[in-house]
Amino acid sequence: MENVVELARHIQTKRWSFFEGILSDRAIGMMEALDRFGYFTTGLSFLVVSMVLFSRAWYVFSVIVGENPVLAVLGLVHDLLLVIILLELFRTTINFLKTKVITLEPFLYIGVIASTRRILTTGAQVSYIGELTDLIFNRYLMDLGANVLVVVALIVAVYLSRRTVLPAMIWRSENGSSH
């Protein structure tokens, strides 16, 4: 059995040994710098897009609010929730650049916000349909129910995530481990 394990290790290491001459520390350092630059530009793009969307949302709101205040408010809330999603992605990118760790919780928040946004959008669409048929109403209820279940599941996931992370942090601090 030990021979099989040793042979598997040897084959696995030998397979990647081809790259040892090509991937020097300098090449790997350059690849890591490009990776950080990619995250930096992506994060910056999230920030710029969210600022543009924020400005556009308020412009559209100011144009439409006189004609149809309810539709204007719903559109503004919809767009602002998208801005929050983009800013949360921006914050997650900054956090990754600082710590080199991607955490689960921001993505759970983004899912909750996205589902809430969908619930509001679907509700607004249904309220402006001239003739609401049974088929459309049933689809609306199914969509609403699915999104509510997603929100509940994600909130439970946030709760469980926090519950498991906190004991791990306490354990690390008690044992003097930094990672």
N, C-alpha and C. Protein backbone atom coordinates (compact mmCIF):
# COMPACT_ATOMS: atom_id res chain seq x y z
N MET A 1 0.83 -1.19 0.00
CA MET A 1 0.00 0.00 0.00
C MET A 1 0.87 1.26 0.00
N GLU A 2 1.93 1.24 0.83
CA GLU A 2 2.81 2.40 0.90
C GLU A 2 3.51 2.63 -0.44
N ASN A 3 3.84 1.55 -1.14
CA ASN A 3 4.48 1.69 -2.44
C ASN A 3 3.57 2.37 -3.45
N VAL A 4 2.29 2.06 -3.39
CA VAL A 4 1.32 2.67 -4.31
C VAL A 4 1.21 4.17 -4.03
N VAL A 5 1.15 4.52 -2.75
CA VAL A 5 1.06 5.93 -2.37
C VAL A 5 2.32 6.67 -2.80
N GLU A 6 3.48 6.08 -2.56
CA GLU A 6 4.75 6.70 -2.95
C GLU A 6 4.84 6.85 -4.46
N LEU A 7 4.41 5.84 -5.21
CA LEU A 7 4.42 5.91 -6.66
C LEU A 7 3.49 7.02 -7.15
N ALA A 8 2.31 7.14 -6.53
CA ALA A 8 1.37 8.20 -6.91
C ALA A 8 1.97 9.58 -6.64
N ARG A 9 2.66 9.73 -5.52
CA ARG A 9 3.31 11.01 -5.21
C ARG A 9 4.40 11.32 -6.23
N HIS A 10 5.18 10.30 -6.57
CA HIS A 10 6.28 10.50 -7.52
C HIS A 10 5.74 10.90 -8.90
N ILE A 11 4.71 10.22 -9.35
CA ILE A 11 4.12 10.54 -10.65
C ILE A 11 3.54 11.95 -10.64
N GLN A 12 2.84 12.30 -9.56
CA GLN A 12 2.23 13.63 -9.47
C GLN A 12 3.30 14.71 -9.48
N THR A 13 4.39 14.54 -8.73
CA THR A 13 5.43 15.55 -8.68
C THR A 13 6.20 15.60 -9.99
N LYS A 14 6.41 14.46 -10.57
CA LYS A 14 7.15 14.42 -11.82
C LYS A 14 6.37 15.12 -12.94
N ARG A 15 5.07 14.98 -12.92
CA ARG A 15 4.25 15.59 -13.95
C ARG A 15 4.43 17.11 -13.94
N TRP A 16 4.53 17.73 -12.78
CA TRP A 16 4.64 19.18 -12.69
C TRP A 16 6.09 19.66 -12.70
N SER A 17 7.05 18.76 -12.63
CA SER A 17 8.45 19.18 -12.60
C SER A 17 8.86 19.83 -13.92
N PHE A 18 8.13 19.59 -14.99
CA PHE A 18 8.39 20.22 -16.28
C PHE A 18 8.37 21.74 -16.15
N PHE A 19 7.50 22.26 -15.29
CA PHE A 19 7.34 23.70 -15.15
C PHE A 19 8.37 24.36 -14.24
N GLU A 20 9.19 23.57 -13.55
CA GLU A 20 10.15 24.13 -12.60
C GLU A 20 11.10 25.11 -13.27
N GLY A 21 11.58 24.80 -14.44
CA GLY A 21 12.50 25.70 -15.13
C GLY A 21 11.81 26.93 -15.67
N ILE A 22 10.54 26.80 -16.04
CA ILE A 22 9.80 27.91 -16.65
C ILE A 22 9.28 28.87 -15.58
N LEU A 23 8.71 28.32 -14.52
CA LEU A 23 8.09 29.15 -13.50
C LEU A 23 9.08 29.50 -12.40
N SER A 24 9.87 30.50 -12.63
CA SER A 24 10.81 30.95 -11.61
C SER A 24 10.04 31.80 -10.59
N ASP A 25 10.71 32.14 -9.53
CA ASP A 25 10.09 32.99 -8.51
C ASP A 25 9.70 34.34 -9.12
N ARG A 26 10.51 34.82 -10.04
CA ARG A 26 10.21 36.11 -10.69
C ARG A 26 8.95 36.01 -11.54
N ALA A 27 8.81 34.92 -12.29
CA ALA A 27 7.62 34.74 -13.13
C ALA A 27 6.37 34.61 -12.27
N ILE A 28 6.47 33.86 -11.20
CA ILE A 28 5.33 33.70 -10.30
C ILE A 28 4.99 35.03 -9.65
N GLY A 29 6.00 35.79 -9.26
CA GLY A 29 5.77 37.12 -8.68
C GLY A 29 5.07 38.03 -9.67
N MET A 30 5.46 37.97 -10.94
CA MET A 30 4.81 38.79 -11.95
C MET A 30 3.36 38.37 -12.14
N MET A 31 3.11 37.05 -12.14
CA MET A 31 1.74 36.56 -12.29
C MET A 31 0.88 37.01 -11.10
N GLU A 32 1.45 36.98 -9.90
CA GLU A 32 0.70 37.43 -8.72
C GLU A 32 0.42 38.93 -8.80
N ALA A 33 1.38 39.71 -9.30
CA ALA A 33 1.16 41.15 -9.46
C ALA A 33 0.06 41.41 -10.48
N LEU A 34 0.05 40.66 -11.58
CA LEU A 34 -1.01 40.81 -12.58
C LEU A 34 -2.37 40.41 -12.00
N ASP A 35 -2.36 39.38 -11.18
CA ASP A 35 -3.59 38.95 -10.51
C ASP A 35 -4.13 40.07 -9.62
N ARG A 36 -3.25 40.67 -8.80
CA ARG A 36 -3.67 41.79 -7.94
C ARG A 36 -4.16 42.96 -8.78
N PHE A 37 -3.48 43.24 -9.90
CA PHE A 37 -3.90 44.32 -10.78
C PHE A 37 -5.28 44.03 -11.37
N GLY A 38 -5.52 42.77 -11.72
CA GLY A 38 -6.84 42.40 -12.24
C GLY A 38 -7.94 42.61 -11.20
N TYR A 39 -7.67 42.21 -9.96
CA TYR A 39 -8.65 42.45 -8.89
C TYR A 39 -8.83 43.94 -8.64
N PHE A 40 -7.73 44.69 -8.68
CA PHE A 40 -7.80 46.14 -8.47
C PHE A 40 -8.67 46.80 -9.53
N THR A 41 -8.42 46.48 -10.80
CA THR A 41 -9.19 47.12 -11.87
C THR A 41 -10.65 46.66 -11.85
N THR A 42 -10.89 45.42 -11.50
CA THR A 42 -12.27 44.94 -11.38
C THR A 42 -13.00 45.68 -10.25
N GLY A 43 -12.34 45.80 -9.12
CA GLY A 43 -12.93 46.53 -7.99
C GLY A 43 -13.21 47.97 -8.35
N LEU A 44 -12.24 48.61 -9.00
CA LEU A 44 -12.42 49.99 -9.43
C LEU A 44 -13.59 50.10 -10.41
N SER A 45 -13.72 49.13 -11.29
CA SER A 45 -14.84 49.12 -12.24
C SER A 45 -16.18 49.01 -11.52
N PHE A 46 -16.25 48.15 -10.47
CA PHE A 46 -17.48 48.06 -9.68
C PHE A 46 -17.84 49.41 -9.08
N LEU A 47 -16.83 50.13 -8.59
CA LEU A 47 -17.07 51.43 -7.98
C LEU A 47 -17.56 52.45 -9.01
N VAL A 48 -16.89 52.51 -10.16
CA VAL A 48 -17.27 53.47 -11.20
C VAL A 48 -18.68 53.17 -11.72
N VAL A 49 -18.96 51.90 -12.00
CA VAL A 49 -20.28 51.53 -12.51
C VAL A 49 -21.36 51.86 -11.49
N SER A 50 -21.08 51.61 -10.21
CA SER A 50 -22.08 51.92 -9.19
C SER A 50 -22.33 53.42 -9.09
N MET A 51 -21.28 54.23 -9.25
CA MET A 51 -21.46 55.69 -9.21
C MET A 51 -22.28 56.18 -10.40
N VAL A 52 -22.00 55.62 -11.58
CA VAL A 52 -22.76 56.00 -12.78
C VAL A 52 -24.22 55.58 -12.63
N LEU A 53 -24.45 54.35 -12.16
CA LEU A 53 -25.81 53.86 -11.97
C LEU A 53 -26.56 54.68 -10.93
N PHE A 54 -25.87 55.06 -9.87
CA PHE A 54 -26.47 55.89 -8.82
C PHE A 54 -26.94 57.23 -9.41
N SER A 55 -26.07 57.87 -10.19
CA SER A 55 -26.43 59.16 -10.82
C SER A 55 -27.58 58.99 -11.79
N ARG A 56 -27.52 57.95 -12.60
CA ARG A 56 -28.59 57.69 -13.57
C ARG A 56 -29.91 57.41 -12.87
N ALA A 57 -29.88 56.67 -11.77
CA ALA A 57 -31.11 56.33 -11.04
C ALA A 57 -31.80 57.59 -10.54
N TRP A 58 -31.03 58.52 -9.98
CA TRP A 58 -31.63 59.75 -9.48
C TRP A 58 -32.10 60.65 -10.63
N TYR A 59 -31.39 60.63 -11.75
CA TYR A 59 -31.83 61.41 -12.91
C TYR A 59 -33.16 60.88 -13.43
N VAL A 60 -33.25 59.58 -13.63
CA VAL A 60 -34.49 58.97 -14.12
C VAL A 60 -35.62 59.22 -13.12
N PHE A 61 -35.33 59.12 -11.84
CA PHE A 61 -36.34 59.38 -10.81
C PHE A 61 -36.86 60.81 -10.93
N SER A 62 -35.96 61.77 -11.08
CA SER A 62 -36.39 63.18 -11.16
C SER A 62 -37.21 63.46 -12.41
N VAL A 63 -36.96 62.74 -13.49
CA VAL A 63 -37.72 62.94 -14.73
C VAL A 63 -39.11 62.31 -14.63
N ILE A 64 -39.20 61.12 -14.03
CA ILE A 64 -40.45 60.35 -14.02
C ILE A 64 -41.35 60.68 -12.84
N VAL A 65 -40.82 61.20 -11.75
CA VAL A 65 -41.59 61.34 -10.52
C VAL A 65 -42.85 62.19 -10.71
N GLY A 66 -42.82 63.17 -11.59
CA GLY A 66 -44.01 64.01 -11.82
C GLY A 66 -45.12 63.26 -12.54
N GLU A 67 -44.75 62.37 -13.44
CA GLU A 67 -45.74 61.62 -14.22
C GLU A 67 -46.32 60.45 -13.44
N ASN A 68 -45.45 59.68 -12.78
CA ASN A 68 -45.90 58.49 -12.08
C ASN A 68 -45.02 58.27 -10.84
N PRO A 69 -45.41 58.85 -9.70
CA PRO A 69 -44.55 58.78 -8.51
C PRO A 69 -44.28 57.35 -8.03
N VAL A 70 -45.28 56.48 -8.08
CA VAL A 70 -45.10 55.11 -7.59
C VAL A 70 -44.07 54.38 -8.45
N LEU A 71 -44.21 54.47 -9.75
CA LEU A 71 -43.26 53.83 -10.66
C LEU A 71 -41.86 54.42 -10.49
N ALA A 72 -41.78 55.72 -10.28
CA ALA A 72 -40.49 56.38 -10.09
C ALA A 72 -39.79 55.88 -8.82
N VAL A 73 -40.55 55.75 -7.74
CA VAL A 73 -39.97 55.28 -6.48
C VAL A 73 -39.53 53.82 -6.61
N LEU A 74 -40.36 53.00 -7.22
CA LEU A 74 -40.00 51.59 -7.40
C LEU A 74 -38.74 51.45 -8.26
N GLY A 75 -38.66 52.23 -9.31
CA GLY A 75 -37.47 52.21 -10.17
C GLY A 75 -36.23 52.66 -9.42
N LEU A 76 -36.37 53.69 -8.60
CA LEU A 76 -35.24 54.19 -7.82
C LEU A 76 -34.77 53.14 -6.81
N VAL A 77 -35.72 52.53 -6.10
CA VAL A 77 -35.35 51.49 -5.13
C VAL A 77 -34.66 50.33 -5.84
N HIS A 78 -35.19 49.93 -6.98
CA HIS A 78 -34.61 48.84 -7.76
C HIS A 78 -33.16 49.16 -8.13
N ASP A 79 -32.92 50.36 -8.65
CA ASP A 79 -31.57 50.75 -9.06
C ASP A 79 -30.64 50.91 -7.87
N LEU A 80 -31.14 51.45 -6.76
CA LEU A 80 -30.29 51.63 -5.58
C LEU A 80 -29.89 50.29 -4.98
N LEU A 81 -30.78 49.31 -5.04
CA LEU A 81 -30.40 47.97 -4.57
C LEU A 81 -29.30 47.37 -5.44
N LEU A 82 -29.35 47.65 -6.74
CA LEU A 82 -28.27 47.20 -7.62
C LEU A 82 -26.97 47.92 -7.27
N VAL A 83 -27.04 49.20 -6.94
CA VAL A 83 -25.86 49.94 -6.51
C VAL A 83 -25.27 49.30 -5.25
N ILE A 84 -26.12 48.92 -4.31
CA ILE A 84 -25.65 48.27 -3.08
C ILE A 84 -24.95 46.95 -3.41
N ILE A 85 -25.50 46.18 -4.35
CA ILE A 85 -24.87 44.93 -4.76
C ILE A 85 -23.48 45.21 -5.33
N LEU A 86 -23.37 46.20 -6.21
CA LEU A 86 -22.08 46.53 -6.81
C LEU A 86 -21.08 47.02 -5.76
N LEU A 87 -21.56 47.83 -4.81
CA LEU A 87 -20.67 48.30 -3.75
C LEU A 87 -20.22 47.16 -2.84
N GLU A 88 -21.09 46.19 -2.61
CA GLU A 88 -20.71 45.03 -1.80
C GLU A 88 -19.64 44.21 -2.54
N LEU A 89 -19.76 44.09 -3.85
CA LEU A 89 -18.72 43.43 -4.64
C LEU A 89 -17.41 44.22 -4.58
N PHE A 90 -17.51 45.54 -4.63
CA PHE A 90 -16.34 46.40 -4.51
C PHE A 90 -15.65 46.18 -3.15
N ARG A 91 -16.46 46.17 -2.08
CA ARG A 91 -15.92 45.98 -0.74
C ARG A 91 -15.27 44.60 -0.60
N THR A 92 -15.90 43.59 -1.20
CA THR A 92 -15.35 42.23 -1.15
C THR A 92 -14.01 42.18 -1.88
N THR A 93 -13.90 42.89 -3.00
CA THR A 93 -12.66 42.94 -3.75
C THR A 93 -11.56 43.61 -2.93
N ILE A 94 -11.89 44.72 -2.26
CA ILE A 94 -10.91 45.41 -1.41
C ILE A 94 -10.46 44.47 -0.28
N ASN A 95 -11.42 43.81 0.34
CA ASN A 95 -11.10 42.89 1.43
C ASN A 95 -10.17 41.77 0.94
N PHE A 96 -10.42 41.25 -0.25
CA PHE A 96 -9.56 40.20 -0.80
C PHE A 96 -8.15 40.73 -1.04
N LEU A 97 -8.03 41.96 -1.58
CA LEU A 97 -6.71 42.52 -1.83
C LEU A 97 -5.94 42.73 -0.53
N LYS A 98 -6.65 43.04 0.56
CA LYS A 98 -6.00 43.24 1.86
C LYS A 98 -5.59 41.92 2.49
N THR A 99 -6.48 40.94 2.47
CA THR A 99 -6.29 39.72 3.27
C THR A 99 -5.93 38.48 2.46
N LYS A 100 -6.14 38.52 1.16
CA LYS A 100 -5.96 37.36 0.27
C LYS A 100 -6.93 36.23 0.60
N VAL A 101 -8.04 36.57 1.24
CA VAL A 101 -9.06 35.59 1.62
C VAL A 101 -10.40 36.08 1.09
N ILE A 102 -11.11 35.19 0.41
CA ILE A 102 -12.48 35.51 -0.02
C ILE A 102 -13.43 34.90 0.99
N THR A 103 -14.26 35.75 1.57
CA THR A 103 -15.19 35.26 2.58
C THR A 103 -16.56 35.02 1.97
N LEU A 104 -17.31 34.15 2.59
CA LEU A 104 -18.62 33.74 2.08
C LEU A 104 -19.70 34.78 2.35
N GLU A 105 -19.64 35.42 3.50
CA GLU A 105 -20.74 36.26 3.96
C GLU A 105 -21.15 37.38 2.99
N PRO A 106 -20.23 38.12 2.36
CA PRO A 106 -20.67 39.16 1.42
C PRO A 106 -21.52 38.61 0.27
N PHE A 107 -21.19 37.42 -0.19
CA PHE A 107 -21.95 36.83 -1.28
C PHE A 107 -23.35 36.41 -0.82
N LEU A 108 -23.47 36.02 0.44
CA LEU A 108 -24.79 35.72 0.98
C LEU A 108 -25.62 36.99 1.05
N TYR A 109 -25.01 38.09 1.47
CA TYR A 109 -25.71 39.38 1.51
C TYR A 109 -26.16 39.79 0.10
N ILE A 110 -25.27 39.60 -0.85
CA ILE A 110 -25.60 39.96 -2.24
C ILE A 110 -26.79 39.14 -2.71
N GLY A 111 -26.82 37.86 -2.36
CA GLY A 111 -27.96 37.01 -2.73
C GLY A 111 -29.25 37.50 -2.10
N VAL A 112 -29.21 37.90 -0.83
CA VAL A 112 -30.40 38.42 -0.16
C VAL A 112 -30.87 39.70 -0.84
N ILE A 113 -29.94 40.59 -1.14
CA ILE A 113 -30.31 41.85 -1.79
C ILE A 113 -30.87 41.59 -3.18
N ALA A 114 -30.25 40.69 -3.93
CA ALA A 114 -30.71 40.39 -5.28
C ALA A 114 -32.11 39.77 -5.26
N SER A 115 -32.37 38.88 -4.32
CA SER A 115 -33.70 38.27 -4.22
C SER A 115 -34.74 39.30 -3.80
N THR A 116 -34.38 40.17 -2.87
CA THR A 116 -35.29 41.23 -2.45
C THR A 116 -35.58 42.16 -3.62
N ARG A 117 -34.56 42.46 -4.38
CA ARG A 117 -34.73 43.30 -5.58
C ARG A 117 -35.69 42.64 -6.56
N ARG A 118 -35.55 41.34 -6.74
CA ARG A 118 -36.44 40.60 -7.65
C ARG A 118 -37.88 40.61 -7.14
N ILE A 119 -38.05 40.46 -5.83
CA ILE A 119 -39.40 40.49 -5.25
C ILE A 119 -40.06 41.84 -5.52
N LEU A 120 -39.31 42.93 -5.31
CA LEU A 120 -39.87 44.26 -5.54
C LEU A 120 -40.18 44.49 -7.02
N THR A 121 -39.27 44.06 -7.88
CA THR A 121 -39.46 44.25 -9.32
C THR A 121 -40.68 43.47 -9.82
N THR A 122 -40.78 42.23 -9.41
CA THR A 122 -41.91 41.40 -9.85
C THR A 122 -43.22 41.98 -9.33
N GLY A 123 -43.23 42.42 -8.09
CA GLY A 123 -44.44 43.03 -7.52
C GLY A 123 -44.84 44.28 -8.29
N ALA A 124 -43.86 45.09 -8.67
CA ALA A 124 -44.16 46.31 -9.43
C ALA A 124 -44.69 45.96 -10.82
N GLN A 125 -44.11 44.96 -11.45
CA GLN A 125 -44.57 44.57 -12.78
C GLN A 125 -46.01 44.07 -12.74
N VAL A 126 -46.32 43.26 -11.75
CA VAL A 126 -47.67 42.70 -11.65
C VAL A 126 -48.69 43.80 -11.36
N SER A 127 -48.31 44.78 -10.56
CA SER A 127 -49.26 45.83 -10.21
C SER A 127 -49.60 46.73 -11.40
N TYR A 128 -48.74 46.73 -12.43
CA TYR A 128 -49.01 47.57 -13.59
C TYR A 128 -49.53 46.80 -14.80
N ILE A 129 -49.82 45.52 -14.62
CA ILE A 129 -50.40 44.75 -15.72
C ILE A 129 -51.88 45.11 -15.79
N GLY A 130 -52.34 45.42 -17.00
CA GLY A 130 -53.73 45.82 -17.18
C GLY A 130 -54.70 44.73 -16.78
N GLU A 131 -54.58 43.57 -17.41
CA GLU A 131 -55.48 42.46 -17.10
C GLU A 131 -54.64 41.32 -16.53
N LEU A 132 -54.88 41.01 -15.27
CA LEU A 132 -54.12 39.98 -14.57
C LEU A 132 -54.84 38.64 -14.71
N THR A 133 -54.27 37.77 -15.52
CA THR A 133 -54.89 36.45 -15.71
C THR A 133 -54.45 35.52 -14.58
N ASP A 134 -55.14 34.40 -14.46
CA ASP A 134 -54.78 33.42 -13.44
C ASP A 134 -53.37 32.87 -13.68
N LEU A 135 -53.01 32.66 -14.93
CA LEU A 135 -51.69 32.15 -15.26
C LEU A 135 -50.59 33.12 -14.80
N ILE A 136 -50.76 34.39 -15.11
CA ILE A 136 -49.77 35.39 -14.71
C ILE A 136 -49.71 35.49 -13.19
N PHE A 137 -50.85 35.48 -12.53
CA PHE A 137 -50.88 35.58 -11.08
C PHE A 137 -50.20 34.37 -10.44
N ASN A 138 -50.45 33.17 -10.96
CA ASN A 138 -49.81 31.97 -10.42
C ASN A 138 -48.29 32.00 -10.62
N ARG A 139 -47.85 32.48 -11.78
CA ARG A 139 -46.41 32.61 -12.01
C ARG A 139 -45.80 33.62 -11.05
N TYR A 140 -46.51 34.70 -10.81
CA TYR A 140 -46.05 35.71 -9.87
C TYR A 140 -45.91 35.10 -8.47
N LEU A 141 -46.91 34.35 -8.04
CA LEU A 141 -46.86 33.73 -6.72
C LEU A 141 -45.71 32.73 -6.62
N MET A 142 -45.48 31.96 -7.68
CA MET A 142 -44.37 30.99 -7.66
C MET A 142 -43.03 31.72 -7.60
N ASP A 143 -42.89 32.78 -8.38
CA ASP A 143 -41.66 33.57 -8.38
C ASP A 143 -41.45 34.22 -7.02
N LEU A 144 -42.49 34.78 -6.47
CA LEU A 144 -42.43 35.40 -5.15
C LEU A 144 -42.05 34.38 -4.09
N GLY A 145 -42.71 33.23 -4.12
CA GLY A 145 -42.42 32.17 -3.14
C GLY A 145 -40.99 31.67 -3.25
N ALA A 146 -40.51 31.48 -4.46
CA ALA A 146 -39.14 31.01 -4.66
C ALA A 146 -38.14 32.03 -4.13
N ASN A 147 -38.37 33.30 -4.39
CA ASN A 147 -37.45 34.32 -3.91
C ASN A 147 -37.50 34.49 -2.39
N VAL A 148 -38.67 34.33 -1.81
CA VAL A 148 -38.78 34.39 -0.35
C VAL A 148 -38.02 33.21 0.26
N LEU A 149 -38.15 32.03 -0.34
CA LEU A 149 -37.40 30.86 0.16
C LEU A 149 -35.89 31.07 0.03
N VAL A 150 -35.48 31.69 -1.05
CA VAL A 150 -34.05 31.98 -1.23
C VAL A 150 -33.57 32.95 -0.15
N VAL A 151 -34.36 33.98 0.14
CA VAL A 151 -33.98 34.94 1.18
C VAL A 151 -33.87 34.24 2.53
N VAL A 152 -34.85 33.42 2.86
CA VAL A 152 -34.83 32.70 4.14
C VAL A 152 -33.62 31.77 4.21
N ALA A 153 -33.36 31.04 3.13
CA ALA A 153 -32.22 30.12 3.10
C ALA A 153 -30.90 30.87 3.26
N LEU A 154 -30.78 32.01 2.60
CA LEU A 154 -29.54 32.78 2.70
C LEU A 154 -29.37 33.39 4.09
N ILE A 155 -30.45 33.81 4.71
CA ILE A 155 -30.37 34.35 6.07
C ILE A 155 -29.95 33.24 7.04
N VAL A 156 -30.49 32.04 6.86
CA VAL A 156 -30.07 30.91 7.68
C VAL A 156 -28.58 30.62 7.43
N ALA A 157 -28.15 30.72 6.19
CA ALA A 157 -26.74 30.49 5.87
C ALA A 157 -25.84 31.55 6.53
N VAL A 158 -26.28 32.80 6.55
CA VAL A 158 -25.51 33.85 7.23
C VAL A 158 -25.41 33.52 8.72
N TYR A 159 -26.53 33.13 9.31
CA TYR A 159 -26.55 32.78 10.73
C TYR A 159 -25.59 31.62 11.02
N LEU A 160 -25.68 30.57 10.21
CA LEU A 160 -24.80 29.42 10.41
C LEU A 160 -23.34 29.77 10.17
N SER A 161 -23.10 30.60 9.18
CA SER A 161 -21.73 31.03 8.88
C SER A 161 -21.14 31.80 10.06
N ARG A 162 -21.89 32.70 10.62
CA ARG A 162 -21.41 33.47 11.77
C ARG A 162 -21.22 32.57 12.98
N ARG A 163 -22.10 31.62 13.13
CA ARG A 163 -22.02 30.71 14.28
C ARG A 163 -20.79 29.83 14.23
N THR A 164 -20.36 29.44 13.03
CA THR A 164 -19.19 28.58 12.91
C THR A 164 -17.90 29.39 12.88
N VAL A 165 -17.94 30.61 12.37
CA VAL A 165 -16.73 31.43 12.29
C VAL A 165 -16.33 31.92 13.68
N LEU A 166 -17.28 32.34 14.50
CA LEU A 166 -16.97 32.87 15.81
C LEU A 166 -16.23 31.87 16.71
N PRO A 167 -16.69 30.62 16.84
CA PRO A 167 -15.93 29.66 17.65
C PRO A 167 -14.52 29.42 17.10
N ALA A 168 -14.37 29.42 15.79
CA ALA A 168 -13.04 29.22 15.19
C ALA A 168 -12.12 30.38 15.55
N MET A 169 -12.65 31.60 15.54
CA MET A 169 -11.85 32.77 15.90
C MET A 169 -11.45 32.72 17.37
N ILE A 170 -12.38 32.32 18.22
CA ILE A 170 -12.09 32.21 19.65
C ILE A 170 -11.03 31.14 19.88
N TRP A 171 -11.15 30.00 19.19
CA TRP A 171 -10.19 28.92 19.34
C TRP A 171 -8.80 29.37 18.92
N ARG A 172 -8.72 30.09 17.79
CA ARG A 172 -7.43 30.57 17.31
C ARG A 172 -6.79 31.54 18.30
N SER A 173 -7.61 32.45 18.86
CA SER A 173 -7.04 33.43 19.79
C SER A 173 -6.59 32.74 21.10
N GLU A 174 -7.29 31.72 21.52
CA GLU A 174 -6.90 31.01 22.74
C GLU A 174 -5.63 30.19 22.54
N ASN A 175 -5.43 29.70 21.34
CA ASN A 175 -4.26 28.87 21.06
C ASN A 175 -3.08 29.67 20.49
N GLY A 176 -3.27 30.96 20.35
CA GLY A 176 -2.18 31.81 19.89
C GLY A 176 -1.86 31.68 18.42
N SER A 177 -2.78 31.13 17.65
CA SER A 177 -2.56 30.96 16.21
C SER A 177 -3.08 32.19 15.49
N SER A 178 -2.34 32.68 14.50
CA SER A 178 -2.76 33.86 13.77
C SER A 178 -3.54 33.54 12.51
N HIS A 179 -3.52 32.28 12.04
CA HIS A 179 -4.25 31.94 10.81
C HIS A 179 -5.25 30.87 11.09
